Amino acid sequence: MGGGFRTGINFTDNGTIFYAGTTTFVDAHIGVGGTVVVACAGSTFSANFAVSQFGEINTNGSWYVDGTSTLTLKGRAYVGGGCCNSECNYLGIPCPSPCVEDSWSGKKSIIFNAHMGSDGNYIHVNL
């Protein structure tokens, strides 16, 4: 879990720009694995959720507020055989056979973005 805040002022020929923004996130992980004699298997899963908002006001009259939320899910499953530990890594010497492992993984993100300002309004969803 974490977050941040930012603020600032820029002085330009087109006016003074005041801006501020925040970002917060939560990151969670879980995994299980095991080994029995010469076989290993396991899986891991993680989820990250982040929210970010940013806004800007210019003395020339332009302004906007923008917000983005992102959910990212990741997963991995693995199996193996030989001289393996519970994460299907080779145990090392004096083990006579290597650990042969195969894995499958995937990642999916969903992003929601909303924008409102003097330059227009829109909502985007990316899967």
C-alpha atoms as a PDB file:
ATOM      1  CA  MET A   1       0.000   0.000   0.000  1.00  0.00           C
ATOM      2  CA  GLY A   2       1.334   3.434  -0.830  1.00  0.00           C
ATOM      3  CA  GLY A   3       0.599   6.796  -2.279  1.00  0.00           C
ATOM      4  CA  GLY A   4       1.823  10.234  -3.108  1.00  0.00           C
ATOM      5  CA  PHE A   5       0.781  13.843  -3.541  1.00  0.00           C
ATOM      6  CA  ARG A   6       2.166  16.407  -5.959  1.00  0.00           C
ATOM      7  CA  THR A   7       1.534  20.082  -6.479  1.00  0.00           C
ATOM      8  CA  GLY A   8       3.173  22.877  -8.388  1.00  0.00           C
ATOM      9  CA  ILE A   9       3.073  26.156 -10.243  1.00  0.00           C
ATOM     10  CA  ASN A  10       4.496  26.843 -13.706  1.00  0.00           C
ATOM     11  CA  PHE A  11       4.976  30.375 -15.017  1.00  0.00           C
ATOM     12  CA  THR A  12       4.729  30.533 -18.830  1.00  0.00           C
ATOM     13  CA  ASP A  13       4.139  33.112 -21.544  1.00  0.00           C
ATOM     14  CA  ASN A  14       0.592  31.703 -21.908  1.00  0.00           C
ATOM     15  CA  GLY A  15      -0.310  32.163 -18.230  1.00  0.00           C
ATOM     16  CA  THR A  16       0.392  30.678 -14.846  1.00  0.00           C
ATOM     17  CA  ILE A  17      -0.502  27.013 -14.382  1.00  0.00           C
ATOM     18  CA  PHE A  18      -1.468  25.625 -10.975  1.00  0.00           C
ATOM     19  CA  TYR A  19      -1.649  21.837 -10.652  1.00  0.00           C
ATOM     20  CA  ALA A  20      -2.124  19.130  -8.045  1.00  0.00           C
ATOM     21  CA  GLY A  21      -2.508  15.368  -8.052  1.00  0.00           C
ATOM     22  CA  THR A  22      -2.579  12.248  -5.907  1.00  0.00           C
ATOM     23  CA  THR A  23      -1.884   8.568  -6.445  1.00  0.00           C
ATOM     24  CA  THR A  24      -2.689   5.653  -4.138  1.00  0.00           C
ATOM     25  CA  PHE A  25      -2.235   1.923  -4.642  1.00  0.00           C
ATOM     26  CA  VAL A  26      -2.732  -1.428  -2.951  1.00  0.00           C
ATOM     27  CA  ASP A  27      -0.662  -4.455  -3.940  1.00  0.00           C
ATOM     28  CA  ALA A  28      -1.500  -7.985  -2.705  1.00  0.00           C
ATOM     29  CA  HIS A  29       0.247 -11.319  -3.366  1.00  0.00           C
ATOM     30  CA  ILE A  30      -0.513 -14.906  -2.436  1.00  0.00           C
ATOM     31  CA  GLY A  31       1.132 -18.163  -3.413  1.00  0.00           C
ATOM     32  CA  VAL A  32       1.258 -21.833  -2.509  1.00  0.00           C
ATOM     33  CA  GLY A  33       3.713 -24.490  -3.502  1.00  0.00           C
ATOM     34  CA  GLY A  34       4.782 -27.938  -2.480  1.00  0.00           C
ATOM     35  CA  THR A  35       7.049 -30.810  -3.272  1.00  0.00           C
ATOM     36  CA  VAL A  36       6.564 -34.547  -2.793  1.00  0.00           C
ATOM     37  CA  VAL A  37       9.548 -36.861  -3.368  1.00  0.00           C
ATOM     38  CA  VAL A  38      10.512 -35.857  -6.948  1.00  0.00           C
ATOM     39  CA  ALA A  39       7.536 -33.675  -7.985  1.00  0.00           C
ATOM     40  CA  CYS A  40       6.715 -30.045  -7.315  1.00  0.00           C
ATOM     41  CA  ALA A  41       3.733 -27.807  -8.059  1.00  0.00           C
ATOM     42  CA  GLY A  42       2.386 -24.446  -7.066  1.00  0.00           C
ATOM     43  CA  SER A  43       0.692 -21.259  -8.035  1.00  0.00           C
ATOM     44  CA  THR A  44       0.934 -17.536  -7.347  1.00  0.00           C
ATOM     45  CA  PHE A  45      -1.600 -14.761  -7.697  1.00  0.00           C
ATOM     46  CA  SER A  46      -1.289 -10.998  -7.333  1.00  0.00           C
ATOM     47  CA  ALA A  47      -3.613  -8.038  -7.619  1.00  0.00           C
ATOM     48  CA  ASN A  48      -2.766  -4.352  -7.839  1.00  0.00           C
ATOM     49  CA  PHE A  49      -5.302  -1.543  -7.632  1.00  0.00           C
ATOM     50  CA  ALA A  50      -4.180   2.041  -8.271  1.00  0.00           C
ATOM     51  CA  VAL A  51      -6.128   5.303  -8.335  1.00  0.00           C
ATOM     52  CA  SER A  52      -4.670   8.551  -9.633  1.00  0.00           C
ATOM     53  CA  GLN A  53      -6.201  12.018  -9.938  1.00  0.00           C
ATOM     54  CA  PHE A  54      -4.644  15.105 -11.468  1.00  0.00           C
ATOM     55  CA  GLY A  55      -5.950  18.590 -12.076  1.00  0.00           C
ATOM     56  CA  GLU A  56      -4.698  21.766 -13.666  1.00  0.00           C
ATOM     57  CA  ILE A  57      -5.915  25.384 -13.809  1.00  0.00           C
ATOM     58  CA  ASN A  58      -4.355  27.972 -16.100  1.00  0.00           C
ATOM     59  CA  THR A  59      -4.851  31.722 -15.676  1.00  0.00           C
ATOM     60  CA  ASN A  60      -5.602  31.873 -19.429  1.00  0.00           C
ATOM     61  CA  GLY A  61      -8.914  30.088 -18.668  1.00  0.00           C
ATOM     62  CA  SER A  62      -8.058  26.482 -19.538  1.00  0.00           C
ATOM     63  CA  TRP A  63      -8.486  23.746 -16.923  1.00  0.00           C
ATOM     64  CA  TYR A  64      -9.000  20.018 -16.505  1.00  0.00           C
ATOM     65  CA  VAL A  65      -9.475  17.228 -13.972  1.00  0.00           C
ATOM     66  CA  ASP A  66      -8.393  13.718 -14.894  1.00  0.00           C
ATOM     67  CA  GLY A  67      -8.785  10.464 -12.959  1.00  0.00           C
ATOM     68  CA  THR A  68      -7.541   6.963 -13.706  1.00  0.00           C
ATOM     69  CA  SER A  69      -8.222   3.668 -11.905  1.00  0.00           C
ATOM     70  CA  THR A  70      -6.260   0.549 -12.829  1.00  0.00           C
ATOM     71  CA  LEU A  71      -6.824  -3.030 -11.679  1.00  0.00           C
ATOM     72  CA  THR A  72      -4.111  -5.518 -12.660  1.00  0.00           C
ATOM     73  CA  LEU A  73      -4.421  -9.254 -11.990  1.00  0.00           C
ATOM     74  CA  LYS A  74      -1.514 -11.687 -12.475  1.00  0.00           C
ATOM     75  CA  GLY A  75      -1.360 -15.430 -12.073  1.00  0.00           C
ATOM     76  CA  ARG A  76       1.157 -18.235 -12.534  1.00  0.00           C
ATOM     77  CA  ALA A  77       0.926 -22.014 -12.152  1.00  0.00           C
ATOM     78  CA  TYR A  78       3.888 -24.387 -12.326  1.00  0.00           C
ATOM     79  CA  VAL A  79       4.735 -28.084 -12.141  1.00  0.00           C
ATOM     80  CA  GLY A  80       8.040 -29.873 -12.210  1.00  0.00           C
ATOM     81  CA  GLY A  81       9.987 -32.971 -11.451  1.00  0.00           C
ATOM     82  CA  GLY A  82      13.489 -33.988 -10.403  1.00  0.00           C
ATOM     83  CA  CYS A  83      15.500 -32.474  -7.579  1.00  0.00           C
ATOM     84  CA  CYS A  84      13.170 -29.546  -6.879  1.00  0.00           C
ATOM     85  CA  ASN A  85      12.090 -27.434  -3.951  1.00  0.00           C
ATOM     86  CA  SER A  86       8.494 -26.200  -3.485  1.00  0.00           C
ATOM     87  CA  GLU A  87       9.096 -23.382  -6.024  1.00  0.00           C
ATOM     88  CA  CYS A  88      10.405 -25.910  -8.583  1.00  0.00           C
ATOM     89  CA  ASN A  89      13.969 -24.625  -8.305  1.00  0.00           C
ATOM     90  CA  TYR A  90      16.929 -27.026  -8.507  1.00  0.00           C
ATOM     91  CA  LEU A  91      18.101 -28.147  -5.074  1.00  0.00           C
ATOM     92  CA  GLY A  92      21.756 -28.212  -6.148  1.00  0.00           C
ATOM     93  CA  ILE A  93      24.672 -30.514  -5.395  1.00  0.00           C
ATOM     94  CA  PRO A  94      24.643 -33.409  -4.371  1.00  0.00           C
ATOM     95  CA  CYS A  95      21.294 -33.934  -6.068  1.00  0.00           C
ATOM     96  CA  PRO A  96      21.900 -36.112  -9.175  1.00  0.00           C
ATOM     97  CA  SER A  97      19.117 -34.861 -11.482  1.00  0.00           C
ATOM     98  CA  PRO A  98      18.089 -31.334 -12.483  1.00  0.00           C
ATOM     99  CA  CYS A  99      14.664 -29.885 -11.795  1.00  0.00           C
ATOM    100  CA  VAL A 100      12.596 -29.785 -14.983  1.00  0.00           C
ATOM    101  CA  GLU A 101       9.800 -27.243 -14.651  1.00  0.00           C
ATOM    102  CA  ASP A 102       6.990 -25.931 -16.836  1.00  0.00           C
ATOM    103  CA  SER A 103       4.788 -22.957 -16.058  1.00  0.00           C
ATOM    104  CA  TRP A 104       1.826 -21.017 -17.391  1.00  0.00           C
ATOM    105  CA  SER A 105       1.147 -17.394 -16.586  1.00  0.00           C
ATOM    106  CA  GLY A 106      -1.143 -14.541 -17.489  1.00  0.00           C
ATOM    107  CA  LYS A 107      -1.793 -10.889 -16.767  1.00  0.00           C
ATOM    108  CA  LYS A 108      -4.863  -8.729 -17.331  1.00  0.00           C
ATOM    109  CA  SER A 109      -5.382  -5.035 -16.658  1.00  0.00           C
ATOM    110  CA  ILE A 110      -8.574  -3.020 -16.669  1.00  0.00           C
ATOM    111  CA  ILE A 111      -8.105   0.747 -16.936  1.00  0.00           C
ATOM    112  CA  PHE A 112     -10.848   3.312 -16.396  1.00  0.00           C
ATOM    113  CA  ASN A 113     -10.077   6.956 -17.262  1.00  0.00           C
ATOM    114  CA  ALA A 114     -12.366   9.977 -16.926  1.00  0.00           C
ATOM    115  CA  HIS A 115     -11.462  13.493 -18.070  1.00  0.00           C
ATOM    116  CA  MET A 116     -13.361  16.738 -17.725  1.00  0.00           C
ATOM    117  CA  GLY A 117     -12.101  20.152 -18.707  1.00  0.00           C
ATOM    118  CA  SER A 118     -12.138  23.138 -20.990  1.00  0.00           C
ATOM    119  CA  ASP A 119     -10.634  20.869 -23.687  1.00  0.00           C
ATOM    120  CA  GLY A 120     -13.561  18.406 -23.527  1.00  0.00           C
ATOM    121  CA  ASN A 121     -15.023  15.559 -21.514  1.00  0.00           C
ATOM    122  CA  TYR A 122     -14.571  11.834 -22.048  1.00  0.00           C
ATOM    123  CA  ILE A 123     -14.547   8.424 -20.399  1.00  0.00           C
ATOM    124  CA  HIS A 124     -12.356   5.542 -21.620  1.00  0.00           C
ATOM    125  CA  VAL A 125     -12.330   1.924 -20.499  1.00  0.00           C
ATOM    126  CA  ASN A 126      -9.456  -0.287 -21.685  1.00  0.00           C
ATOM    127  CA  LEU A 127      -9.659  -4.049 -21.170  1.00  0.00           C
END
